[in-house]
Amino acid sequence: MKNNETKEKSSLRKKAGAIKEFRCKNLIAVLEEPQDYKNIGRTIRNINALGVEKLYIIDSRDKVPDDWQEMRTDVMLTKTSGSAIKWSFVKKFSSTEGCIDHLDKNGFVSMVTSPHLKGQKNIVLHEGKYTKMKLAVWFGNESRGISERAVKNSKACINIPMYGIIESLNLGTSTGIVLYEITKQRREFKLGKIAKRKEKLKNKK
C-alpha cells in the first residue's frame, strides 16, 4: 500500500514539474460573495486546469472554511473540484475591502467581469490584452453580480459576448471562459519570450 502511495506521489511530482512553465504566475481569480458552494468547487477545478496561480474567495457569510488545509478535507469542495482543491492555492477574505487592500499592497491590477457595461472602461473578452501585468480577475455574486466597490477599484470591466435571449452564464462556466482566454494570452506571451531568449543564446554561439 505504501509503495503505491509513494509511486503516486512521485508521478504527481513529475507531472507538476512538467507543467510548471505553463502555469500563469501573478494571475489571481477572485470570487466575490459566491452563493452556490458548487460554483466554488467548479471554479477551483477551472483555475487548476487552466494554470491560474491562485483563487481568492470573499466570503463575509463564512460559508467556506478559513484555512486552506481545512478546505482540502471539505467533502463538497473535494467532490465538485474533482480533487483540484488539493493542488490549488485558495485564500479566503471576509470583505471586498480586505481583498482589495491585499491586492493593492502586492501590486495587482484588478479587472471585473460582467455581462453588462460597468465602470469607465469596458472590454470585450477576446479584444483585451492581459499579458503585461500582475492581474486579479473578479467574478461577482450569481444574483447581484459584481459590487460597485469592486467596479470602482477596477481598471476595466470584461464582457463575454453573448448572442442569445439569456444575458448571463453560470458562474462556473463564466470563470472557465474568461480565464481560458486570459491564460491562453499569458502563456503565449511567456513562451514567446522564452523562445526569443533561446534564439538569442543560439545566435551568440
Foldseek 3Di string as FASTA:
>chain_A
DVVVVVVVVVVVVVVCVVCVLLAQPLEEEEEEAADDPLLVLLLLLLCQVLRGQAYEYAHLPCPADQDLVVNLPDPSSCVSNVSSSVVHHYHYHNDPVVVLVVCVVVFEAEEEEDLDAAADAEEEQLRDAQADGSYYYYWYYPPPTDDPVSRVRHPYYYHHDDDDPDRDDDSSVVSNVNSNSNSVNNSVVSVVVVVVVVVVVVVVD
